[in-house]
Amino acid sequence: MIIRNFKKIQLRQSGFTVVEMVVVLIILVVILSVILINFRKGERIEEFRLATQHLASNLRMAQTSALTGLAEEESLGQRYGVHFDSTAGNDDQYVLFKDNYTLDYGENDVIIEIFNLPLEITISELLIDDLPTNNLDVVFNPPKPTVYVNSSTDSSIVEIKLAREFIDDVQGIITLNRITGQVSAQLQTQE
């Protein structure tokens, strides 16, 4: 009789109820959902940061090319520039070119490469000394190199702002100081 009661007690105390299992499962699903949502947002911000850094790197490449020449067979003294157009339809790309002060797609323009921004990233604003513009040509003229902004040396600061869909509170900002030639890039939280 003692053995039968011991077995009954043992059977009643083992395992979890279905309700307990469902509650644990729901908690795990909620935690996993939060992790995945935050992971995707972090991934989008990292892609945005990389696109901002890549654009700044291409500006530096144009600057370096004006100093050294893009290829060994080229002679020194070539002008290199980057063309930006923030109008609809063109706001997801920029062009690396040489031999001219502005890119007007004429016969004197030599387009080296057209860079496309990643999906969902666009040029949101172009600023020359805090004044907005739709088109921007930044040209590096050797040997110093002198920086021309839209065929002029009158300006001092150029800003290129990038936007990313689904991330409204962050923008990519590439800044070029025309006087020093310094190019910087950062992501900035909007207020």
Protein backbone atom coordinates (compact mmCIF):
# COMPACT_ATOMS: atom_id res chain seq x y z
CA MET A 1 0.00 0.00 0.00
CA ILE A 2 2.80 2.40 0.71
CA ILE A 3 4.31 1.64 -2.69
CA ARG A 4 1.06 2.43 -4.53
CA ASN A 5 0.70 5.81 -2.80
CA PHE A 6 4.33 6.62 -3.60
CA LYS A 7 3.76 6.01 -7.32
CA LYS A 8 0.62 8.17 -7.33
CA ILE A 9 2.46 11.04 -5.71
CA GLN A 10 5.34 10.73 -8.15
CA LEU A 11 3.04 10.86 -11.20
CA ARG A 12 1.21 13.95 -10.00
CA GLN A 13 4.38 16.03 -9.44
CA SER A 14 6.19 15.42 -12.74
CA GLY A 15 5.98 17.62 -15.90
CA PHE A 16 4.43 20.98 -16.80
CA THR A 17 0.84 21.82 -17.56
CA VAL A 18 -0.20 22.83 -21.05
CA VAL A 19 -0.99 26.35 -19.79
CA GLU A 20 2.53 26.76 -18.40
CA MET A 21 4.05 25.60 -21.68
CA VAL A 22 1.89 28.01 -23.71
CA VAL A 23 2.82 30.94 -21.43
CA VAL A 24 6.56 30.17 -21.79
CA LEU A 25 6.18 29.84 -25.55
CA ILE A 26 4.39 33.21 -25.81
CA ILE A 27 7.11 34.91 -23.75
CA LEU A 28 9.82 33.44 -26.00
CA VAL A 29 8.00 34.58 -29.16
CA VAL A 30 7.65 38.14 -27.81
CA ILE A 31 11.34 38.31 -26.84
CA LEU A 32 12.42 36.91 -30.21
CA SER A 33 10.19 39.42 -32.06
CA VAL A 34 11.72 42.37 -30.20
CA ILE A 35 15.24 41.10 -30.92
CA LEU A 36 14.55 40.64 -34.63
CA ILE A 37 12.95 44.08 -35.01
CA ASN A 38 15.90 45.79 -33.33
CA PHE A 39 18.37 43.71 -35.33
CA ARG A 40 16.82 44.83 -38.63
CA LYS A 41 16.88 48.49 -37.58
CA GLY A 42 20.53 48.16 -36.56
CA GLU A 43 21.30 46.52 -39.89
CA ARG A 44 19.64 49.39 -41.78
CA ILE A 45 21.55 52.00 -39.79
CA GLU A 46 24.84 50.19 -40.48
CA GLU A 47 24.08 50.07 -44.24
CA PHE A 48 23.29 53.80 -44.04
CA ARG A 49 26.59 54.52 -42.26
CA LEU A 50 28.53 52.52 -44.87
CA ALA A 51 26.84 54.37 -47.77
CA THR A 52 27.71 57.71 -46.13
CA GLN A 53 31.33 56.65 -45.65
CA HIS A 54 31.52 55.33 -49.24
CA LEU A 55 30.35 58.66 -50.67
CA ALA A 56 32.93 60.53 -48.60
CA SER A 57 35.58 58.05 -49.75
CA ASN A 58 34.69 58.73 -53.39
CA LEU A 59 35.09 62.47 -52.81
CA ARG A 60 38.53 61.76 -51.33
CA MET A 61 39.32 59.55 -54.33
CA ALA A 62 38.57 62.43 -56.72
CA GLN A 63 40.75 64.69 -54.59
CA THR A 64 43.63 62.19 -54.56
CA SER A 65 43.26 61.54 -58.29
CA ALA A 66 43.72 65.23 -59.01
CA LEU A 67 46.98 65.11 -57.07
CA THR A 68 48.36 61.85 -58.44
CA GLY A 69 46.36 60.84 -61.51
CA LEU A 70 43.84 58.00 -61.44
CA ALA A 71 45.92 55.60 -63.51
CA GLU A 72 49.65 55.26 -64.16
CA GLU A 73 49.36 56.05 -67.88
CA GLU A 74 47.65 59.38 -67.24
CA SER A 75 49.59 62.55 -67.03
CA LEU A 76 49.34 64.71 -63.96
CA GLY A 77 47.26 67.84 -64.07
CA GLN A 78 43.83 66.36 -64.74
CA ARG A 79 40.79 67.85 -62.98
CA TYR A 80 38.57 65.33 -61.20
CA GLY A 81 35.13 65.99 -59.83
CA VAL A 82 31.97 64.52 -58.40
CA HIS A 83 28.54 65.56 -59.68
CA PHE A 84 25.39 65.40 -57.51
CA ASP A 85 21.80 65.96 -58.58
CA SER A 86 19.11 65.96 -55.88
CA THR A 87 16.14 66.22 -58.23
CA ALA A 88 13.68 63.32 -58.28
CA GLY A 89 14.93 60.39 -60.32
CA ASN A 90 18.58 61.37 -59.93
CA ASP A 91 18.72 61.49 -56.15
CA ASP A 92 20.01 57.92 -55.78
CA GLN A 93 23.29 58.31 -57.69
CA TYR A 94 26.34 60.51 -58.21
CA VAL A 95 28.98 60.69 -60.94
CA LEU A 96 32.78 60.73 -60.85
CA PHE A 97 34.14 62.65 -63.87
CA LYS A 98 37.26 64.42 -65.12
CA ASP A 99 38.51 67.24 -67.36
CA ASN A 100 35.82 69.84 -66.72
CA TYR A 101 34.65 72.23 -64.02
CA THR A 102 31.03 71.07 -64.27
CA LEU A 103 29.36 67.95 -65.58
CA ASP A 104 26.93 68.93 -68.32
CA TYR A 105 27.21 65.61 -70.22
CA GLY A 106 28.87 67.38 -73.15
CA GLU A 107 31.60 65.99 -75.38
CA ASN A 108 34.38 67.35 -73.15
CA ASP A 109 33.09 65.44 -70.12
CA VAL A 110 34.73 62.12 -69.34
CA ILE A 111 32.57 60.08 -67.00
CA ILE A 112 34.72 57.68 -65.00
CA GLU A 113 32.01 55.98 -62.98
CA ILE A 114 28.39 56.37 -61.94
CA PHE A 115 27.84 55.35 -58.32
CA ASN A 116 24.39 54.18 -57.25
CA LEU A 117 23.40 54.55 -53.63
CA PRO A 118 21.99 51.44 -51.94
CA LEU A 119 18.24 50.87 -52.04
CA GLU A 120 16.16 53.16 -49.83
CA ILE A 121 19.03 55.71 -49.54
CA THR A 122 18.76 59.02 -51.41
CA ILE A 123 20.41 62.42 -51.56
CA SER A 124 18.00 64.52 -49.55
CA GLU A 125 19.71 67.91 -49.65
CA LEU A 126 22.72 69.68 -51.16
CA LEU A 127 23.99 72.78 -49.37
CA ILE A 128 26.64 75.33 -50.35
CA ASP A 129 27.41 77.57 -47.37
CA ASP A 130 24.00 76.58 -45.87
CA LEU A 131 22.14 77.56 -49.06
CA PRO A 132 20.24 74.73 -50.79
CA THR A 133 20.91 73.79 -54.40
CA ASN A 134 19.64 71.05 -56.71
CA ASN A 135 22.92 70.40 -58.56
CA LEU A 136 26.40 70.29 -57.15
CA ASP A 137 29.75 69.84 -58.89
CA VAL A 138 32.79 69.49 -56.64
CA VAL A 139 35.95 69.64 -58.77
CA PHE A 140 39.54 69.25 -57.62
CA ASN A 141 41.99 71.14 -59.82
CA PRO A 142 45.70 70.26 -59.50
CA PRO A 143 48.40 70.88 -58.43
CA LYS A 144 47.31 72.03 -54.96
CA PRO A 145 44.39 70.90 -55.60
CA THR A 146 42.11 73.91 -55.65
CA VAL A 147 38.50 72.97 -54.93
CA TYR A 148 35.83 74.41 -57.21
CA VAL A 149 32.18 74.22 -56.18
CA ASN A 150 29.85 74.77 -59.14
CA SER A 151 32.75 76.40 -61.07
CA SER A 152 33.50 78.85 -58.27
CA THR A 153 35.93 79.24 -55.39
CA ASP A 154 33.67 81.63 -53.47
CA SER A 155 32.09 79.09 -51.12
CA SER A 156 33.75 77.51 -48.11
CA ILE A 157 31.55 74.62 -46.85
CA VAL A 158 29.63 72.03 -48.86
CA GLU A 159 27.21 69.59 -47.24
CA ILE A 160 25.62 66.56 -48.84
CA LYS A 161 22.79 65.08 -46.82
CA LEU A 162 21.52 61.55 -47.27
CA ALA A 163 18.20 60.13 -46.12
CA ARG A 164 17.07 56.54 -45.61
CA GLU A 165 13.53 55.24 -45.83
CA PHE A 166 12.12 53.83 -42.60
CA ILE A 167 14.72 55.71 -40.53
CA ASP A 168 13.35 59.22 -40.14
CA ASP A 169 15.41 60.30 -37.14
CA VAL A 170 18.90 59.80 -38.65
CA GLN A 171 20.58 61.46 -41.63
CA GLY A 172 23.98 60.99 -43.24
CA ILE A 173 26.02 64.16 -43.60
CA ILE A 174 29.13 64.49 -45.75
CA THR A 175 30.95 67.78 -45.27
CA LEU A 176 33.66 69.23 -47.49
CA ASN A 177 35.66 72.22 -46.36
CA ARG A 178 36.67 73.85 -49.65
CA ILE A 179 39.52 75.81 -48.10
CA THR A 180 41.28 72.94 -46.30
CA GLY A 181 40.02 70.12 -48.53
CA GLN A 182 38.92 68.09 -45.51
CA VAL A 183 36.11 65.60 -46.17
CA SER A 184 34.18 64.20 -43.21
CA ALA A 185 31.19 61.89 -42.92
CA GLN A 186 28.86 61.09 -40.05
CA LEU A 187 25.39 59.95 -39.16
CA GLN A 188 23.48 62.55 -37.21
CA THR A 189 20.30 62.21 -35.22
CA GLN A 190 17.70 64.78 -36.21
CA GLU A 191 16.00 66.76 -33.49
